[in-house]
Amino acid sequence: MSHELKLLRLLQLASPNLPVGGFTYSQGLEWAVETGWVKGADGFRAWQRQQLHDSLGYLDWPLLARLYRACQDQDAEAFAYWSRFLLANRETAELRLEERQRGMALARLLDGWQLCQAPAWRASLELSQLGGMAWLGAHWEIPLRDLALGYGFAWLEGAVMAGVKLVPFGQQAAQTLLHDLSEALPAVLETALALPDDQLGGSLPLLAIASARHETQYTRLFRS
């Protein structure tokens, strides 16, 4: 596959139009705004920066790397282990359900392309979107760092778009937030890819509380 086509495949995976339902999730932000923990663009910036360092840097990206290498090595057992590890680190029922729903949606897309349907892999793919991203990245030979940055930017863009609706702030502020927060991605990625297994796992108590409270929030725009 040519470099240009790999880039196009990466842009497809990072697109908000990827049919995994990303636009329907706020990952606790909806409750955080209602209860006053997040106020204005500056409050959102602080909320999201913490998640960027702790969740993306110590959980999602390191696990993406392990899932990617398991795909390269054709190691379905390791792929299953790290997929379950990711799900176990989602701290609320709502976040675990979101992870599974994203994973199943991406697995259905793979089914449509008749990719990765072997029983040893298929059940694990349904556990998380991250698994499907890793499998496609390895299948299309997208370099790991590029895949990780694409995933990170898509995650950040989804959060900012939720902020536009919830905080709220305008499109100019949204683009400024994307510009400012994305500057931290390369340095966080360097740390994430160097982490040993015994340092994996992120824990953000306020995020977990916000997600748990969102399950019973009186009115909601988002599924999580």
Protein backbone atom coordinates (compact mmCIF):
# COMPACT_ATOMS: atom_id res chain seq x y z
CA MET A 1 0.00 0.00 0.00
CA SER A 2 1.38 3.41 -0.95
CA HIS A 3 2.15 6.12 1.62
CA GLU A 4 -0.64 8.26 0.17
CA LEU A 5 -3.22 5.50 0.51
CA LYS A 6 -2.11 4.77 4.09
CA LEU A 7 -2.68 8.44 4.89
CA LEU A 8 -6.14 8.33 3.36
CA ARG A 9 -7.01 5.20 5.36
CA LEU A 10 -5.83 6.94 8.54
CA LEU A 11 -7.99 9.98 7.78
CA GLN A 12 -10.95 7.62 7.30
CA LEU A 13 -10.34 6.01 10.70
CA ALA A 14 -9.99 9.40 12.39
CA SER A 15 -13.06 10.90 10.73
CA PRO A 16 -16.05 11.85 12.91
CA ASN A 17 -18.13 10.13 10.22
CA LEU A 18 -16.71 6.73 11.16
CA PRO A 19 -19.92 4.86 12.07
CA VAL A 20 -19.14 4.03 15.69
CA GLY A 21 -21.55 6.58 17.17
CA GLY A 22 -18.83 8.75 18.71
CA PHE A 23 -21.01 11.87 18.49
CA THR A 24 -23.49 10.34 20.96
CA TYR A 25 -21.07 10.18 23.91
CA SER A 26 -19.81 12.91 26.26
CA GLN A 27 -17.86 10.64 28.66
CA GLY A 28 -19.16 12.32 31.78
CA LEU A 29 -18.94 15.88 30.49
CA GLU A 30 -22.72 16.32 30.47
CA TRP A 31 -22.97 15.77 34.22
CA ALA A 32 -19.77 17.75 34.89
CA VAL A 33 -21.30 20.78 33.17
CA GLU A 34 -24.67 20.44 34.93
CA THR A 35 -23.09 20.19 38.36
CA GLY A 36 -20.75 23.15 37.70
CA TRP A 37 -17.43 21.28 37.64
CA VAL A 38 -16.80 22.53 34.09
CA LYS A 39 -17.50 26.19 33.33
CA GLY A 40 -16.65 27.92 30.08
CA ALA A 41 -13.89 27.15 27.60
CA ASP A 42 -11.16 27.43 30.25
CA GLY A 43 -12.89 24.94 32.50
CA PHE A 44 -13.29 22.56 29.58
CA ARG A 45 -9.61 22.95 28.68
CA ALA A 46 -8.54 21.94 32.19
CA TRP A 47 -11.01 19.01 32.29
CA GLN A 48 -9.85 17.67 28.95
CA ARG A 49 -6.14 18.22 29.54
CA GLN A 50 -6.31 16.01 32.63
CA GLN A 51 -7.97 13.24 30.63
CA LEU A 52 -5.45 13.65 27.85
CA HIS A 53 -2.53 13.00 30.20
CA ASP A 54 -4.08 10.36 32.45
CA SER A 55 -6.52 8.41 30.25
CA LEU A 56 -5.00 8.76 26.79
CA GLY A 57 -1.41 8.74 28.01
CA TYR A 58 -1.58 5.92 30.55
CA LEU A 59 -4.32 3.71 29.16
CA ASP A 60 -5.62 4.15 25.62
CA TRP A 61 -2.38 4.81 23.78
CA PRO A 62 -0.25 2.19 25.58
CA LEU A 63 -2.98 -0.38 24.97
CA LEU A 64 -3.32 0.64 21.33
CA ALA A 65 0.39 -0.11 20.96
CA ARG A 66 0.02 -3.55 22.56
CA LEU A 67 -3.04 -4.41 20.50
CA TYR A 68 -1.29 -3.24 17.33
CA ARG A 69 1.76 -5.41 18.02
CA ALA A 70 -0.46 -8.39 18.83
CA CYS A 71 -2.04 -7.97 15.39
CA GLN A 72 1.38 -7.76 13.74
CA ASP A 73 2.45 -10.91 15.57
CA GLN A 74 -0.84 -12.70 14.81
CA ASP A 75 -1.18 -13.25 18.57
CA ALA A 76 -4.93 -13.54 19.17
CA GLU A 77 -4.39 -14.50 22.81
CA ALA A 78 -2.48 -11.29 23.61
CA PHE A 79 -5.06 -9.28 21.65
CA ALA A 80 -7.85 -10.78 23.76
CA TYR A 81 -5.96 -10.14 27.00
CA TRP A 82 -5.33 -6.45 26.33
CA SER A 83 -8.88 -5.97 25.04
CA ARG A 84 -10.24 -7.30 28.35
CA PHE A 85 -7.71 -5.20 30.26
CA LEU A 86 -9.00 -2.06 28.55
CA LEU A 87 -12.62 -2.88 29.35
CA ALA A 88 -11.74 -3.61 32.99
CA ASN A 89 -10.20 -0.13 33.29
CA ARG A 90 -13.39 1.65 32.23
CA GLU A 91 -14.59 2.58 35.70
CA THR A 92 -18.36 2.70 35.30
CA ALA A 93 -21.05 0.57 33.71
CA GLU A 94 -21.80 3.42 31.33
CA LEU A 95 -18.21 3.73 30.11
CA ARG A 96 -17.93 -0.04 29.67
CA LEU A 97 -21.17 -0.09 27.69
CA GLU A 98 -19.89 2.74 25.49
CA GLU A 99 -16.67 0.83 24.85
CA ARG A 100 -18.56 -2.29 23.84
CA GLN A 101 -21.01 -0.37 21.64
CA ARG A 102 -18.17 1.32 19.79
CA GLY A 103 -16.39 -2.00 19.39
CA MET A 104 -19.45 -3.79 18.03
CA ALA A 105 -20.14 -0.96 15.59
CA LEU A 106 -16.60 -1.09 14.21
CA ALA A 107 -16.74 -4.91 14.06
CA ARG A 108 -19.88 -4.65 11.91
CA LEU A 109 -17.99 -2.32 9.58
CA LEU A 110 -15.22 -4.90 9.32
CA ASP A 111 -17.82 -7.57 8.58
CA GLY A 112 -19.02 -5.46 5.67
CA TRP A 113 -15.48 -5.43 4.33
CA GLN A 114 -15.11 -9.16 5.10
CA LEU A 115 -12.09 -8.50 7.30
CA CYS A 116 -10.98 -10.14 10.56
CA GLN A 117 -13.84 -12.60 10.90
CA ALA A 118 -11.78 -15.49 12.34
CA PRO A 119 -13.38 -16.69 15.62
CA ALA A 120 -10.11 -16.25 17.53
CA TRP A 121 -10.24 -12.50 16.85
CA ARG A 122 -13.90 -11.64 16.26
CA ALA A 123 -15.13 -11.79 19.88
CA SER A 124 -12.26 -9.63 21.12
CA LEU A 125 -12.85 -7.05 18.39
CA GLU A 126 -16.33 -6.45 19.75
CA LEU A 127 -14.97 -5.37 23.14
CA SER A 128 -13.59 -1.98 22.09
CA GLN A 129 -13.15 0.48 19.25
CA LEU A 130 -9.45 0.53 20.11
CA GLY A 131 -9.11 -3.11 19.06
CA GLY A 132 -10.64 -2.49 15.66
CA MET A 133 -8.43 0.57 15.15
CA ALA A 134 -5.34 -1.47 16.02
CA TRP A 135 -6.34 -4.31 13.71
CA LEU A 136 -7.05 -2.03 10.75
CA GLY A 137 -3.90 -0.02 11.41
CA ALA A 138 -1.77 -3.16 11.30
CA HIS A 139 -3.70 -4.56 8.32
CA TRP A 140 -3.19 -1.35 6.33
CA GLU A 141 0.39 -0.98 7.58
CA ILE A 142 -0.27 2.46 9.05
CA PRO A 143 2.71 3.34 11.28
CA LEU A 144 1.84 3.03 14.97
CA ARG A 145 2.68 6.64 15.84
CA ASP A 146 0.53 7.95 13.02
CA LEU A 147 -2.34 5.66 14.03
CA ALA A 148 -2.07 6.76 17.66
CA LEU A 149 -2.05 10.46 16.78
CA GLY A 150 -5.04 9.97 14.48
CA TYR A 151 -6.93 8.19 17.24
CA GLY A 152 -5.93 10.86 19.77
CA PHE A 153 -7.04 13.73 17.56
CA ALA A 154 -10.37 12.01 16.83
CA TRP A 155 -10.90 11.49 20.57
CA LEU A 156 -10.08 15.15 21.26
CA GLU A 157 -12.26 16.43 18.43
CA GLY A 158 -15.21 14.39 19.70
CA ALA A 159 -14.79 15.85 23.17
CA VAL A 160 -14.60 19.41 21.83
CA MET A 161 -17.73 18.92 19.72
CA ALA A 162 -19.55 17.70 22.83
CA GLY A 163 -18.31 20.81 24.61
CA VAL A 164 -19.77 23.03 21.89
CA LYS A 165 -23.22 21.67 22.74
CA LEU A 166 -22.88 21.35 26.49
CA VAL A 167 -20.61 24.04 27.96
CA PRO A 168 -21.36 25.77 25.54
CA PHE A 169 -18.83 27.68 23.44
CA GLY A 170 -18.70 28.71 19.79
CA GLN A 171 -16.86 27.29 16.82
CA GLN A 172 -14.02 29.80 17.10
CA ALA A 173 -13.39 28.73 20.68
CA ALA A 174 -13.70 25.08 19.62
CA GLN A 175 -10.97 25.43 17.02
CA THR A 176 -8.76 27.27 19.49
CA LEU A 177 -9.20 24.45 21.99
CA LEU A 178 -8.33 21.87 19.34
CA HIS A 179 -5.28 23.91 18.38
CA ASP A 180 -4.08 24.33 21.95
CA LEU A 181 -4.84 20.88 23.35
CA SER A 182 -3.49 18.98 20.33
CA GLU A 183 -0.06 20.55 20.87
CA ALA A 184 0.37 18.27 23.88
CA LEU A 185 -0.36 15.07 21.95
CA PRO A 186 3.15 14.28 20.61
CA ALA A 187 4.86 14.60 24.01
CA VAL A 188 2.18 12.54 25.76
CA LEU A 189 2.50 9.90 23.05
CA GLU A 190 6.25 9.60 23.64
CA THR A 191 5.62 8.81 27.30
CA ALA A 192 2.73 6.47 26.51
CA LEU A 193 4.73 4.31 24.11
CA ALA A 194 7.55 3.90 26.62
CA LEU A 195 5.38 2.71 29.54
CA PRO A 196 6.04 -0.79 30.91
CA ASP A 197 3.10 -3.07 31.62
CA ASP A 198 3.11 -2.43 35.37
CA GLN A 199 2.46 1.29 34.88
CA LEU A 200 -0.63 0.96 32.71
CA GLY A 201 -4.00 2.25 33.87
CA GLY A 202 -5.61 5.62 34.40
CA SER A 203 -7.89 6.63 37.23
CA LEU A 204 -9.75 9.93 37.27
CA PRO A 205 -12.21 9.90 40.21
CA LEU A 206 -14.18 12.95 39.04
CA LEU A 207 -14.63 11.42 35.59
CA ALA A 208 -15.87 8.18 37.14
CA ILE A 209 -18.27 10.06 39.42
CA ALA A 210 -19.55 12.19 36.53
CA SER A 211 -20.13 9.10 34.41
CA ALA A 212 -21.93 7.28 37.22
CA ARG A 213 -24.14 10.27 37.96
CA HIS A 214 -24.87 10.73 34.26
CA GLU A 215 -26.58 7.33 34.23
CA THR A 216 -29.46 8.82 36.23
CA GLN A 217 -29.27 12.44 35.03
CA TYR A 218 -32.79 13.81 34.61
CA THR A 219 -32.37 15.14 31.06
CA ARG A 220 -29.59 14.04 28.74
CA LEU A 221 -28.39 14.82 25.22
CA PHE A 222 -25.73 12.12 25.23
CA ARG A 223 -25.67 8.37 25.91
CA SER A 224 -22.74 8.70 28.28
